[in-house]
Full PDB file with SEQRES, HELIX, SHEET, SSBOND, CRYST1, ORIGX, SCALE, CONECT and MASTER records, all heavy atoms in Angstrom:
SEQRES   1 A   41  ALA VAL PRO ALA ARG PRO PHE THR LYS LEU ASN TYR THR          
SEQRES   2 A   41  VAL ASP ASP VAL TRP ASN PRO GLU GLU LEU ASP VAL GLY          
SEQRES   3 A   41  TRP THR ASN LYS TRP MET ASN GLN MET PRO GLN GLU TYR          
SEQRES   4 A   41  ASP ARG                                                      
HELIX    1 AA1 PRO A   20  GLU A   22  5                                   3    
HELIX    2 AA2 GLY A   26  THR A   28  5                                   3    
CRYST1    1.000    1.000    1.000  90.00  90.00  90.00 P 1           1          
ORIGX1      1.000000  0.000000  0.000000        0.00000                         
ORIGX2      0.000000  1.000000  0.000000        0.00000                         
ORIGX3      0.000000  0.000000  1.000000        0.00000                         
SCALE1      1.000000  0.000000  0.000000        0.00000                         
SCALE2      0.000000  1.000000  0.000000        0.00000                         
SCALE3      0.000000  0.000000  1.000000        0.00000                         
ATOM      1  N   ALA A   1     -40.001  49.926 121.660  1.00  0.00           N  
ATOM      2  CA  ALA A   1     -41.024  49.203 120.906  1.00  0.00           C  
ATOM      3  C   ALA A   1     -40.529  48.938 119.485  1.00  0.00           C  
ATOM      4  O   ALA A   1     -39.817  49.746 118.897  1.00  0.00           O  
ATOM      5  CB  ALA A   1     -42.314  50.016 120.856  1.00  0.00           C  
ATOM      6  N   VAL A   2     -40.906  47.776 118.962  1.00  0.00           N  
ATOM      7  CA  VAL A   2     -40.563  47.425 117.590  1.00  0.00           C  
ATOM      8  C   VAL A   2     -41.793  47.675 116.725  1.00  0.00           C  
ATOM      9  O   VAL A   2     -42.786  46.947 116.829  1.00  0.00           O  
ATOM     10  CB  VAL A   2     -40.133  45.948 117.479  1.00  0.00           C  
ATOM     11  CG1 VAL A   2     -39.795  45.612 116.027  1.00  0.00           C  
ATOM     12  CG2 VAL A   2     -38.946  45.665 118.386  1.00  0.00           C  
ATOM     13  N   PRO A   3     -41.768  48.721 115.886  1.00  0.00           N  
ATOM     14  CA  PRO A   3     -42.962  49.039 115.103  1.00  0.00           C  
ATOM     15  C   PRO A   3     -43.296  47.957 114.088  1.00  0.00           C  
ATOM     16  O   PRO A   3     -42.403  47.266 113.586  1.00  0.00           O  
ATOM     17  CB  PRO A   3     -42.585  50.354 114.409  1.00  0.00           C  
ATOM     18  CG  PRO A   3     -41.095  50.341 114.353  1.00  0.00           C  
ATOM     19  CD  PRO A   3     -40.651  49.642 115.604  1.00  0.00           C  
ATOM     20  N   ALA A   4     -44.576  47.787 113.816  1.00  0.00           N  
ATOM     21  CA  ALA A   4     -45.015  46.772 112.861  1.00  0.00           C  
ATOM     22  C   ALA A   4     -44.564  47.120 111.452  1.00  0.00           C  
ATOM     23  O   ALA A   4     -44.413  46.250 110.604  1.00  0.00           O  
ATOM     24  CB  ALA A   4     -46.536  46.634 112.914  1.00  0.00           C  
ATOM     25  N   ARG A   5     -44.342  48.400 111.193  1.00  0.00           N  
ATOM     26  CA  ARG A   5     -43.870  48.851 109.879  1.00  0.00           C  
ATOM     27  C   ARG A   5     -42.956  50.053 110.094  1.00  0.00           C  
ATOM     28  O   ARG A   5     -43.023  50.709 111.129  1.00  0.00           O  
ATOM     29  CB  ARG A   5     -45.049  49.222 108.982  1.00  0.00           C  
ATOM     30  CG  ARG A   5     -45.845  50.417 109.478  1.00  0.00           C  
ATOM     31  CD  ARG A   5     -47.023  50.735 108.548  1.00  0.00           C  
ATOM     32  NE  ARG A   5     -48.052  49.725 108.639  1.00  0.00           N  
ATOM     33  CZ  ARG A   5     -49.177  49.773 107.928  1.00  0.00           C  
ATOM     34  NH1 ARG A   5     -49.371  50.765 107.060  1.00  0.00           N  
ATOM     35  NH2 ARG A   5     -50.092  48.845 108.065  1.00  0.00           N  
ATOM     36  N   PRO A   6     -42.092  50.353 109.108  1.00  0.00           N  
ATOM     37  CA  PRO A   6     -41.192  51.516 109.260  1.00  0.00           C  
ATOM     38  C   PRO A   6     -41.987  52.808 109.423  1.00  0.00           C  
ATOM     39  O   PRO A   6     -43.100  52.941 108.906  1.00  0.00           O  
ATOM     40  CB  PRO A   6     -40.399  51.507 107.949  1.00  0.00           C  
ATOM     41  CG  PRO A   6     -40.514  50.112 107.425  1.00  0.00           C  
ATOM     42  CD  PRO A   6     -41.851  49.609 107.858  1.00  0.00           C  
ATOM     43  N   PHE A   7     -41.400  53.756 110.136  1.00  0.00           N  
ATOM     44  CA  PHE A   7     -42.060  55.037 110.323  1.00  0.00           C  
ATOM     45  C   PHE A   7     -42.146  55.786 108.992  1.00  0.00           C  
ATOM     46  O   PHE A   7     -41.182  55.831 108.230  1.00  0.00           O  
ATOM     47  CB  PHE A   7     -41.291  55.895 111.334  1.00  0.00           C  
ATOM     48  CG  PHE A   7     -41.367  55.381 112.740  1.00  0.00           C  
ATOM     49  CD1 PHE A   7     -40.215  54.967 113.406  1.00  0.00           C  
ATOM     50  CD2 PHE A   7     -42.584  55.299 113.404  1.00  0.00           C  
ATOM     51  CE1 PHE A   7     -40.283  54.487 114.708  1.00  0.00           C  
ATOM     52  CE2 PHE A   7     -42.660  54.826 114.703  1.00  0.00           C  
ATOM     53  CZ  PHE A   7     -41.510  54.404 115.355  1.00  0.00           C  
ATOM     54  N   THR A   8     -43.303  56.349 108.709  1.00  0.00           N  
ATOM     55  CA  THR A   8     -43.508  57.125 107.488  1.00  0.00           C  
ATOM     56  C   THR A   8     -42.672  58.392 107.535  1.00  0.00           C  
ATOM     57  O   THR A   8     -42.603  59.068 108.560  1.00  0.00           O  
ATOM     58  CB  THR A   8     -44.991  57.500 107.324  1.00  0.00           C  
ATOM     59  OG1 THR A   8     -45.785  56.307 107.354  1.00  0.00           O  
ATOM     60  CG2 THR A   8     -45.229  58.247 106.019  1.00  0.00           C  
ATOM     61  N   LYS A   9     -42.036  58.716 106.411  1.00  0.00           N  
ATOM     62  CA  LYS A   9     -41.249  59.947 106.339  1.00  0.00           C  
ATOM     63  C   LYS A   9     -42.184  61.152 106.234  1.00  0.00           C  
ATOM     64  O   LYS A   9     -43.155  61.137 105.473  1.00  0.00           O  
ATOM     65  CB  LYS A   9     -40.318  59.904 105.124  1.00  0.00           C  
ATOM     66  CG  LYS A   9     -39.444  61.145 104.988  1.00  0.00           C  
ATOM     67  CD  LYS A   9     -38.569  61.067 103.741  1.00  0.00           C  
ATOM     68  CE  LYS A   9     -37.742  62.339 103.577  1.00  0.00           C  
ATOM     69  NZ  LYS A   9     -36.903  62.292 102.347  1.00  0.00           N  
ATOM     70  N   LEU A  10     -41.887  62.185 107.011  1.00  0.00           N  
ATOM     71  CA  LEU A  10     -42.672  63.417 106.956  1.00  0.00           C  
ATOM     72  C   LEU A  10     -42.039  64.337 105.917  1.00  0.00           C  
ATOM     73  O   LEU A  10     -40.913  64.785 106.079  1.00  0.00           O  
ATOM     74  CB  LEU A  10     -42.706  64.090 108.327  1.00  0.00           C  
ATOM     75  CG  LEU A  10     -43.184  63.208 109.490  1.00  0.00           C  
ATOM     76  CD1 LEU A  10     -43.187  63.998 110.793  1.00  0.00           C  
ATOM     77  CD2 LEU A  10     -44.571  62.649 109.211  1.00  0.00           C  
ATOM     78  N   ASN A  11     -42.771  64.609 104.842  1.00  0.00           N  
ATOM     79  CA  ASN A  11     -42.195  65.296 103.687  1.00  0.00           C  
ATOM     80  C   ASN A  11     -42.284  66.814 103.743  1.00  0.00           C  
ATOM     81  O   ASN A  11     -41.688  67.490 102.903  1.00  0.00           O  
ATOM     82  CB  ASN A  11     -42.876  64.815 102.405  1.00  0.00           C  
ATOM     83  CG  ASN A  11     -42.677  63.332 102.165  1.00  0.00           C  
ATOM     84  OD1 ASN A  11     -41.620  62.792 102.467  1.00  0.00           O  
ATOM     85  ND2 ASN A  11     -43.684  62.665 101.634  1.00  0.00           N  
ATOM     86  N   TYR A  12     -43.036  67.341 104.710  1.00  0.00           N  
ATOM     87  CA  TYR A  12     -43.276  68.790 104.689  1.00  0.00           C  
ATOM     88  C   TYR A  12     -43.075  69.411 106.068  1.00  0.00           C  
ATOM     89  O   TYR A  12     -43.202  68.747 107.089  1.00  0.00           O  
ATOM     90  CB  TYR A  12     -44.697  69.094 104.212  1.00  0.00           C  
ATOM     91  CG  TYR A  12     -44.953  68.683 102.789  1.00  0.00           C  
ATOM     92  CD1 TYR A  12     -45.595  67.484 102.493  1.00  0.00           C  
ATOM     93  CD2 TYR A  12     -44.544  69.496 101.730  1.00  0.00           C  
ATOM     94  CE1 TYR A  12     -45.827  67.100 101.184  1.00  0.00           C  
ATOM     95  CE2 TYR A  12     -44.770  69.117 100.419  1.00  0.00           C  
ATOM     96  CZ  TYR A  12     -45.415  67.924 100.150  1.00  0.00           C  
ATOM     97  OH  TYR A  12     -45.635  67.554  98.850  1.00  0.00           O  
ATOM     98  N   THR A  13     -42.773  70.696 106.030  1.00  0.00           N  
ATOM     99  CA  THR A  13     -42.730  71.509 107.242  1.00  0.00           C  
ATOM    100  C   THR A  13     -43.621  72.723 107.007  1.00  0.00           C  
ATOM    101  O   THR A  13     -44.091  72.968 105.898  1.00  0.00           O  
ATOM    102  CB  THR A  13     -41.300  71.979 107.559  1.00  0.00           C  
ATOM    103  OG1 THR A  13     -40.810  72.751 106.457  1.00  0.00           O  
ATOM    104  CG2 THR A  13     -40.388  70.791 107.797  1.00  0.00           C  
ATOM    105  N   VAL A  14     -43.819  73.506 108.053  1.00  0.00           N  
ATOM    106  CA  VAL A  14     -44.600  74.735 107.927  1.00  0.00           C  
ATOM    107  C   VAL A  14     -43.787  75.750 107.132  1.00  0.00           C  
ATOM    108  O   VAL A  14     -42.569  75.834 107.272  1.00  0.00           O  
ATOM    109  CB  VAL A  14     -44.949  75.292 109.321  1.00  0.00           C  
ATOM    110  CG1 VAL A  14     -45.637  76.645 109.202  1.00  0.00           C  
ATOM    111  CG2 VAL A  14     -45.835  74.316 110.059  1.00  0.00           C  
ATOM    112  N   ASP A  15     -44.445  76.520 106.273  1.00  0.00           N  
ATOM    113  CA  ASP A  15     -43.763  77.540 105.480  1.00  0.00           C  
ATOM    114  C   ASP A  15     -43.030  78.539 106.370  1.00  0.00           C  
ATOM    115  O   ASP A  15     -43.587  79.002 107.364  1.00  0.00           O  
ATOM    116  CB  ASP A  15     -44.770  78.322 104.624  1.00  0.00           C  
ATOM    117  CG  ASP A  15     -45.306  77.474 103.481  1.00  0.00           C  
ATOM    118  OD1 ASP A  15     -44.595  76.548 103.063  1.00  0.00           O  
ATOM    119  OD2 ASP A  15     -46.416  77.751 103.011  1.00  0.00           O  
ATOM    120  N   ASP A  16     -41.802  78.882 105.989  1.00  0.00           N  
ATOM    121  CA  ASP A  16     -41.056  79.895 106.743  1.00  0.00           C  
ATOM    122  C   ASP A  16     -41.749  81.249 106.686  1.00  0.00           C  
ATOM    123  O   ASP A  16     -41.649  82.050 107.608  1.00  0.00           O  
ATOM    124  CB  ASP A  16     -39.635  80.017 106.180  1.00  0.00           C  
ATOM    125  CG  ASP A  16     -38.816  78.756 106.443  1.00  0.00           C  
ATOM    126  OD1 ASP A  16     -39.137  78.042 107.407  1.00  0.00           O  
ATOM    127  OD2 ASP A  16     -37.874  78.499 105.687  1.00  0.00           O  
ATOM    128  N   VAL A  17     -42.442  81.494 105.582  1.00  0.00           N  
ATOM    129  CA  VAL A  17     -43.083  82.805 105.412  1.00  0.00           C  
ATOM    130  C   VAL A  17     -44.461  82.852 106.063  1.00  0.00           C  
ATOM    131  O   VAL A  17     -45.105  83.891 106.072  1.00  0.00           O  
ATOM    132  CB  VAL A  17     -43.245  83.142 103.908  1.00  0.00           C  
ATOM    133  CG1 VAL A  17     -41.889  83.263 103.257  1.00  0.00           C  
ATOM    134  CG2 VAL A  17     -44.094  82.097 103.197  1.00  0.00           C  
ATOM    135  N   TRP A  18     -44.899  81.729 106.591  1.00  0.00           N  
ATOM    136  CA  TRP A  18     -46.236  81.690 107.186  1.00  0.00           C  
ATOM    137  C   TRP A  18     -46.211  82.351 108.548  1.00  0.00           C  
ATOM    138  O   TRP A  18     -45.339  82.087 109.374  1.00  0.00           O  
ATOM    139  CB  TRP A  18     -46.702  80.245 107.323  1.00  0.00           C  
ATOM    140  CG  TRP A  18     -48.042  80.105 107.968  1.00  0.00           C  
ATOM    141  CD1 TRP A  18     -49.215  80.686 107.572  1.00  0.00           C  
ATOM    142  CD2 TRP A  18     -48.351  79.327 109.120  1.00  0.00           C  
ATOM    143  NE1 TRP A  18     -50.238  80.313 108.394  1.00  0.00           N  
ATOM    144  CE2 TRP A  18     -49.734  79.484 109.363  1.00  0.00           C  
ATOM    145  CE3 TRP A  18     -47.609  78.527 109.977  1.00  0.00           C  
ATOM    146  CZ2 TRP A  18     -50.380  78.855 110.414  1.00  0.00           C  
ATOM    147  CZ3 TRP A  18     -48.252  77.899 111.014  1.00  0.00           C  
ATOM    148  CH2 TRP A  18     -49.619  78.069 111.222  1.00  0.00           C  
ATOM    149  N   ASN A  19     -47.164  83.210 108.781  1.00  0.00           N  
ATOM    150  CA  ASN A  19     -47.256  83.915 110.050  1.00  0.00           C  
ATOM    151  C   ASN A  19     -48.274  83.217 110.949  1.00  0.00           C  
ATOM    152  O   ASN A  19     -49.480  83.302 110.696  1.00  0.00           O  
ATOM    153  CB  ASN A  19     -47.678  85.364 109.810  1.00  0.00           C  
ATOM    154  CG  ASN A  19     -47.792  86.149 111.113  1.00  0.00           C  
ATOM    155  OD1 ASN A  19     -47.359  85.686 112.163  1.00  0.00           O  
ATOM    156  ND2 ASN A  19     -48.372  87.328 111.027  1.00  0.00           N  
ATOM    157  N   PRO A  20     -47.831  82.509 112.001  1.00  0.00           N  
ATOM    158  CA  PRO A  20     -48.765  81.788 112.875  1.00  0.00           C  
ATOM    159  C   PRO A  20     -49.811  82.687 113.518  1.00  0.00           C  
ATOM    160  O   PRO A  20     -50.843  82.211 113.968  1.00  0.00           O  
ATOM    161  CB  PRO A  20     -47.846  81.165 113.938  1.00  0.00           C  
ATOM    162  CG  PRO A  20     -46.500  81.122 113.303  1.00  0.00           C  
ATOM    163  CD  PRO A  20     -46.443  82.335 112.419  1.00  0.00           C  
ATOM    164  N   GLU A  21     -49.537  83.999 113.577  1.00  0.00           N  
ATOM    165  CA  GLU A  21     -50.498  84.906 114.197  1.00  0.00           C  
ATOM    166  C   GLU A  21     -51.782  85.020 113.377  1.00  0.00           C  
ATOM    167  O   GLU A  21     -52.785  85.538 113.854  1.00  0.00           O  
ATOM    168  CB  GLU A  21     -49.867  86.288 114.372  1.00  0.00           C  
ATOM    169  CG  GLU A  21     -48.710  86.298 115.383  1.00  0.00           C  
ATOM    170  CD  GLU A  21     -48.097  87.678 115.541  1.00  0.00           C  
ATOM    171  OE1 GLU A  21     -48.572  88.600 114.833  1.00  0.00           O  
ATOM    172  OE2 GLU A  21     -47.165  87.827 116.336  1.00  0.00           O  
ATOM    173  N   GLU A  22     -51.742  84.532 112.128  1.00  0.00           N  
ATOM    174  CA  GLU A  22     -52.951  84.565 111.309  1.00  0.00           C  
ATOM    175  C   GLU A  22     -54.028  83.661 111.900  1.00  0.00           C  
ATOM    176  O   GLU A  22     -55.200  83.822 111.626  1.00  0.00           O  
ATOM    177  CB  GLU A  22     -52.631  84.117 109.883  1.00  0.00           C  
ATOM    178  CG  GLU A  22     -51.701  85.066 109.137  1.00  0.00           C  
ATOM    179  CD  GLU A  22     -51.364  84.554 107.751  1.00  0.00           C  
ATOM    180  OE1 GLU A  22     -51.985  83.571 107.320  1.00  0.00           O  
ATOM    181  OE2 GLU A  22     -50.489  85.138 107.095  1.00  0.00           O  
ATOM    182  N   LEU A  23     -53.612  82.699 112.674  1.00  0.00           N  
ATOM    183  CA  LEU A  23     -54.542  81.763 113.284  1.00  0.00           C  
ATOM    184  C   LEU A  23     -53.962  81.349 114.627  1.00  0.00           C  
ATOM    185  O   LEU A  23     -52.752  81.259 114.778  1.00  0.00           O  
ATOM    186  CB  LEU A  23     -54.716  80.529 112.381  1.00  0.00           C  
ATOM    187  CG  LEU A  23     -55.910  79.623 112.635  1.00  0.00           C  
ATOM    188  CD1 LEU A  23     -57.205  80.385 112.364  1.00  0.00           C  
ATOM    189  CD2 LEU A  23     -55.850  78.416 111.721  1.00  0.00           C  
ATOM    190  N   ASP A  24     -54.814  81.114 115.598  1.00  0.00           N  
ATOM    191  CA  ASP A  24     -54.336  80.753 116.932  1.00  0.00           C  
ATOM    192  C   ASP A  24     -53.846  79.317 116.924  1.00  0.00           C  
ATOM    193  O   ASP A  24     -54.622  78.384 117.108  1.00  0.00           O  
ATOM    194  CB  ASP A  24     -55.460  80.928 117.965  1.00  0.00           C  
ATOM    195  CG  ASP A  24     -54.984  80.599 119.372  1.00  0.00           C  
ATOM    196  OD1 ASP A  24     -53.753  80.549 119.579  1.00  0.00           O  
ATOM    197  OD2 ASP A  24     -55.834  80.395 120.250  1.00  0.00           O  
ATOM    198  N   VAL A  25     -52.560  79.128 116.675  1.00  0.00           N  
ATOM    199  CA  VAL A  25     -52.006  77.780 116.579  1.00  0.00           C  
ATOM    200  C   VAL A  25     -50.999  77.506 117.688  1.00  0.00           C  
ATOM    201  O   VAL A  25     -50.332  76.483 117.670  1.00  0.00           O  
ATOM    202  CB  VAL A  25     -51.320  77.564 115.211  1.00  0.00           C  
ATOM    203  CG1 VAL A  25     -52.323  77.668 114.094  1.00  0.00           C  
ATOM    204  CG2 VAL A  25     -50.196  78.562 115.020  1.00  0.00           C  
ATOM    205  N   GLY A  26     -50.868  78.417 118.625  1.00  0.00           N  
ATOM    206  CA  GLY A  26     -49.863  78.239 119.666  1.00  0.00           C  
ATOM    207  C   GLY A  26     -50.012  76.939 120.428  1.00  0.00           C  
ATOM    208  O   GLY A  26     -49.022  76.310 120.796  1.00  0.00           O  
ATOM    209  N   TRP A  27     -51.256  76.507 120.631  1.00  0.00           N  
ATOM    210  CA  TRP A  27     -51.473  75.301 121.428  1.00  0.00           C  
ATOM    211  C   TRP A  27     -51.107  74.032 120.680  1.00  0.00           C  
ATOM    212  O   TRP A  27     -51.038  72.956 121.263  1.00  0.00           O  
ATOM    213  CB  TRP A  27     -52.920  75.235 121.884  1.00  0.00           C  
ATOM    214  CG  TRP A  27     -53.896  75.040 120.772  1.00  0.00           C  
ATOM    215  CD1 TRP A  27     -54.442  76.002 119.992  1.00  0.00           C  
ATOM    216  CD2 TRP A  27     -54.440  73.802 120.328  1.00  0.00           C  
ATOM    217  NE1 TRP A  27     -55.295  75.452 119.079  1.00  0.00           N  
ATOM    218  CE2 TRP A  27     -55.322  74.098 119.274  1.00  0.00           C  
ATOM    219  CE3 TRP A  27     -54.281  72.467 120.721  1.00  0.00           C  
ATOM    220  CZ2 TRP A  27     -56.024  73.107 118.591  1.00  0.00           C  
ATOM    221  CZ3 TRP A  27     -54.988  71.494 120.033  1.00  0.00           C  
ATOM    222  CH2 TRP A  27     -55.846  71.810 118.988  1.00  0.00           C  
ATOM    223  N   THR A  28     -50.846  74.115 119.370  1.00  0.00           N  
ATOM    224  CA  THR A  28     -50.504  72.909 118.635  1.00  0.00           C  
ATOM    225  C   THR A  28     -49.093  72.436 118.932  1.00  0.00           C  
ATOM    226  O   THR A  28     -48.740  71.311 118.649  1.00  0.00           O  
ATOM    227  CB  THR A  28     -50.626  73.139 117.118  1.00  0.00           C  
ATOM    228  OG1 THR A  28     -49.667  74.118 116.713  1.00  0.00           O  
ATOM    229  CG2 THR A  28     -52.016  73.598 116.732  1.00  0.00           C  
ATOM    230  N   ASN A  29     -48.275  73.308 119.466  1.00  0.00           N  
ATOM    231  CA  ASN A  29     -46.897  72.928 119.752  1.00  0.00           C  
ATOM    232  C   ASN A  29     -46.391  73.730 120.945  1.00  0.00           C  
ATOM    233  O   ASN A  29     -45.814  74.789 120.793  1.00  0.00           O  
ATOM    234  CB  ASN A  29     -46.018  73.187 118.529  1.00  0.00           C  
ATOM    235  CG  ASN A  29     -44.598  72.669 118.714  1.00  0.00           C  
ATOM    236  OD1 ASN A  29     -44.233  72.243 119.796  1.00  0.00           O  
ATOM    237  ND2 ASN A  29     -43.817  72.706 117.658  1.00  0.00           N  
ATOM    238  N   LYS A  30     -46.630  73.214 122.139  1.00  0.00           N  
ATOM    239  CA  LYS A  30     -46.230  73.915 123.356  1.00  0.00           C  
ATOM    240  C   LYS A  30     -44.762  73.695 123.688  1.00  0.00           C  
ATOM    241  O   LYS A  30     -44.210  74.395 124.523  1.00  0.00           O  
ATOM    242  CB  LYS A  30     -47.094  73.437 124.538  1.00  0.00           C  
ATOM    243  CG  LYS A  30     -48.572  73.770 124.411  1.00  0.00           C  
ATOM    244  CD  LYS A  30     -48.832  75.256 124.480  1.00  0.00           C  
ATOM    245  CE  LYS A  30     -50.307  75.564 124.527  1.00  0.00           C  
ATOM    246  NZ  LYS A  30     -50.611  76.993 124.539  1.00  0.00           N  
ATOM    247  N   TRP A  31     -44.146  72.695 123.054  1.00  0.00           N  
ATOM    248  CA  TRP A  31     -42.756  72.391 123.358  1.00  0.00           C  
ATOM    249  C   TRP A  31     -41.856  73.300 122.534  1.00  0.00           C  
ATOM    250  O   TRP A  31     -41.683  73.117 121.341  1.00  0.00           O  
ATOM    251  CB  TRP A  31     -42.449  70.926 123.052  1.00  0.00           C  
ATOM    252  CG  TRP A  31     -41.101  70.503 123.534  1.00  0.00           C  
ATOM    253  CD1 TRP A  31     -39.955  70.434 122.814  1.00  0.00           C  
ATOM    254  CD2 TRP A  31     -40.760  70.095 124.862  1.00  0.00           C  
ATOM    255  NE1 TRP A  31     -38.916  70.016 123.594  1.00  0.00           N  
ATOM    256  CE2 TRP A  31     -39.376  69.791 124.856  1.00  0.00           C  
ATOM    257  CE3 TRP A  31     -41.477  69.956 126.044  1.00  0.00           C  
ATOM    258  CZ2 TRP A  31     -38.716  69.352 125.997  1.00  0.00           C  
ATOM    259  CZ3 TRP A  31     -40.806  69.526 127.175  1.00  0.00           C  
ATOM    260  CH2 TRP A  31     -39.447  69.227 127.153  1.00  0.00           C  
ATOM    261  N   MET A  32     -41.293  74.306 123.147  1.00  0.00           N  
ATOM    262  CA  MET A  32     -40.521  75.303 122.431  1.00  0.00           C  
ATOM    263  C   MET A  32     -39.026  74.976 122.390  1.00  0.00           C  
ATOM    264  O   MET A  32     -38.259  75.662 121.719  1.00  0.00           O  
ATOM    265  CB  MET A  32     -40.722  76.686 123.069  1.00  0.00           C  
ATOM    266  CG  MET A  32     -42.168  77.138 123.037  1.00  0.00           C  
ATOM    267  SD  MET A  32     -42.848  77.133 121.347  1.00  0.00           S  
ATOM    268  CE  MET A  32     -44.545  77.600 121.690  1.00  0.00           C  
ATOM    269  N   ASN A  33     -38.613  73.923 123.125  1.00  0.00           N  
ATOM    270  CA  ASN A  33     -37.206  73.533 123.126  1.00  0.00           C  
ATOM    271  C   ASN A  33     -36.920  72.580 121.974  1.00  0.00           C  
ATOM    272  O   ASN A  33     -37.821  72.155 121.256  1.00  0.00           O  
ATOM    273  CB  ASN A  33     -36.833  72.869 124.453  1.00  0.00           C  
ATOM    274  CG  ASN A  33     -37.108  73.786 125.636  1.00  0.00           C  
ATOM    275  OD1 ASN A  33     -36.896  74.985 125.570  1.00  0.00           O  
ATOM    276  ND2 ASN A  33     -37.601  73.206 126.722  1.00  0.00           N  
ATOM    277  N   GLN A  34     -35.642  72.242 121.803  1.00  0.00           N  
ATOM    278  CA  GLN A  34     -35.283  71.259 120.795  1.00  0.00           C  
ATOM    279  C   GLN A  34     -35.822  69.888 121.193  1.00  0.00           C  
ATOM    280  O   GLN A  34     -36.005  69.594 122.370  1.00  0.00           O  
ATOM    281  CB  GLN A  34     -33.769  71.194 120.628  1.00  0.00           C  
ATOM    282  CG  GLN A  34     -33.163  72.440 119.989  1.00  0.00           C  
ATOM    283  CD  GLN A  34     -31.673  72.272 119.753  1.00  0.00           C  
ATOM    284  OE1 GLN A  34     -31.049  71.341 120.248  1.00  0.00           O  
ATOM    285  NE2 GLN A  34     -31.107  73.193 118.987  1.00  0.00           N  
ATOM    286  N   MET A  35     -36.064  69.055 120.186  1.00  0.00           N  
ATOM    287  CA  MET A  35     -36.529  67.695 120.468  1.00  0.00           C  
ATOM    288  C   MET A  35     -35.441  66.972 121.261  1.00  0.00           C  
ATOM    289  O   MET A  35     -34.290  66.900 120.820  1.00  0.00           O  
ATOM    290  CB  MET A  35     -36.799  66.945 119.163  1.00  0.00           C  
ATOM    291  CG  MET A  35     -37.914  67.543 118.326  1.00  0.00           C  
ATOM    292  SD  MET A  35     -39.559  67.246 119.018  1.00  0.00           S  
ATOM    293  CE  MET A  35     -39.779  65.526 118.612  1.00  0.00           C  
ATOM    294  N   PRO A  36     -35.761  66.460 122.434  1.00  0.00           N  
ATOM    295  CA  PRO A  36     -34.736  65.815 123.271  1.00  0.00           C  
ATOM    296  C   PRO A  36     -34.254  64.498 122.671  1.00  0.00           C  
ATOM    297  O   PRO A  36     -35.039  63.734 122.101  1.00  0.00           O  
ATOM    298  CB  PRO A  36     -35.479  65.579 124.593  1.00  0.00           C  
ATOM    299  CG  PRO A  36     -36.915  65.523 124.224  1.00  0.00           C  
ATOM    300  CD  PRO A  36     -37.087  66.463 123.074  1.00  0.00           C  
ATOM    301  N   GLN A  37     -32.957  64.276 122.781  1.00  0.00           N  
ATOM    302  CA  GLN A  37     -32.376  63.031 122.282  1.00  0.00           C  
ATOM    303  C   GLN A  37     -32.380  61.945 123.362  1.00  0.00           C  
ATOM    304  O   GLN A  37     -32.293  60.758 123.052  1.00  0.00           O  
ATOM    305  CB  GLN A  37     -30.936  63.284 121.819  1.00  0.00           C  
ATOM    306  CG  GLN A  37     -30.841  64.299 120.693  1.00  0.00           C  
ATOM    307  CD  GLN A  37     -31.637  63.896 119.472  1.00  0.00           C  
ATOM    308  OE1 GLN A  37     -31.535  62.763 118.999  1.00  0.00           O  
ATOM    309  NE2 GLN A  37     -32.435  64.827 118.949  1.00  0.00           N  
ATOM    310  N   GLU A  38     -32.480  62.366 124.626  1.00  0.00           N  
ATOM    311  CA  GLU A  38     -32.547  61.411 125.725  1.00  0.00           C  
ATOM    312  C   GLU A  38     -33.872  61.574 126.435  1.00  0.00           C  
ATOM    313  O   GLU A  38     -34.585  62.576 126.256  1.00  0.00           O  
ATOM    314  CB  GLU A  38     -31.384  61.651 126.693  1.00  0.00           C  
ATOM    315  CG  GLU A  38     -30.009  61.455 126.057  1.00  0.00           C  
ATOM    316  CD  GLU A  38     -28.882  61.718 127.051  1.00  0.00           C  
ATOM    317  OE1 GLU A  38     -29.192  62.140 128.196  1.00  0.00           O  
ATOM    318  OE2 GLU A  38     -27.712  61.499 126.693  1.00  0.00           O  
ATOM    319  N   TYR A  39     -34.226  60.585 127.229  1.00  0.00           N  
ATOM    320  CA  TYR A  39     -35.522  60.567 127.901  1.00  0.00           C  
ATOM    321  C   TYR A  39     -35.734  61.844 128.709  1.00  0.00           C  
ATOM    322  O   TYR A  39     -34.886  62.275 129.483  1.00  0.00           O  
ATOM    323  CB  TYR A  39     -35.603  59.351 128.831  1.00  0.00           C  
ATOM    324  CG  TYR A  39     -36.920  59.247 129.565  1.00  0.00           C  
ATOM    325  CD1 TYR A  39     -38.038  58.736 128.939  1.00  0.00           C  
ATOM    326  CD2 TYR A  39     -37.034  59.697 130.882  1.00  0.00           C  
ATOM    327  CE1 TYR A  39     -39.257  58.654 129.611  1.00  0.00           C  
ATOM    328  CE2 TYR A  39     -38.238  59.616 131.559  1.00  0.00           C  
ATOM    329  CZ  TYR A  39     -39.346  59.099 130.915  1.00  0.00           C  
ATOM    330  OH  TYR A  39     -40.543  59.022 131.579  1.00  0.00           O  
ATOM    331  N   ASP A  40     -36.897  62.443 128.479  1.00  0.00           N  
ATOM    332  CA  ASP A  40     -37.252  63.685 129.166  1.00  0.00           C  
ATOM    333  C   ASP A  40     -38.692  63.555 129.636  1.00  0.00           C  
ATOM    334  O   ASP A  40     -39.619  63.480 128.829  1.00  0.00           O  
ATOM    335  CB  ASP A  40     -37.097  64.873 128.211  1.00  0.00           C  
ATOM    336  CG  ASP A  40     -37.314  66.219 128.894  1.00  0.00           C  
ATOM    337  OD1 ASP A  40     -38.381  66.384 129.525  1.00  0.00           O  
ATOM    338  OD2 ASP A  40     -36.450  67.099 128.771  1.00  0.00           O  
ATOM    339  N   ARG A  41     -38.883  63.516 130.951  1.00  0.00           N  
ATOM    340  CA  ARG A  41     -40.208  63.288 131.528  1.00  0.00           C  
ATOM    341  C   ARG A  41     -41.214  64.367 131.092  1.00  0.00           C  
ATOM    342  O   ARG A  41     -42.350  64.050 130.713  1.00  0.00           O  
ATOM    343  CB  ARG A  41     -40.104  63.263 133.053  1.00  0.00           C  
ATOM    344  CG  ARG A  41     -41.431  63.238 133.797  1.00  0.00           C  
ATOM    345  CD  ARG A  41     -42.085  61.881 133.740  1.00  0.00           C  
ATOM    346  NE  ARG A  41     -43.444  61.893 134.251  1.00  0.00           N  
ATOM    347  CZ  ARG A  41     -44.014  60.881 134.869  1.00  0.00           C  
ATOM    348  NH1 ARG A  41     -43.344  59.764 135.075  1.00  0.00           N  
ATOM    349  NH2 ARG A  41     -45.258  60.943 135.284  1.00  0.00           N  
TER     350      ARG A  41                                                      
MASTER        0    0    0    2    0    0    0    6  349    1    0    4          
END                                                                             
């Protein structure tokens, strides 16, 4: 697909010191592998 505008840059990541166990956030990111570079069903 050719996007209508360039993709916005994501400027932030989650803090390294942040403990996800403080809140149930496991379901926000079930993909535990690296982001695939080729098509992955």
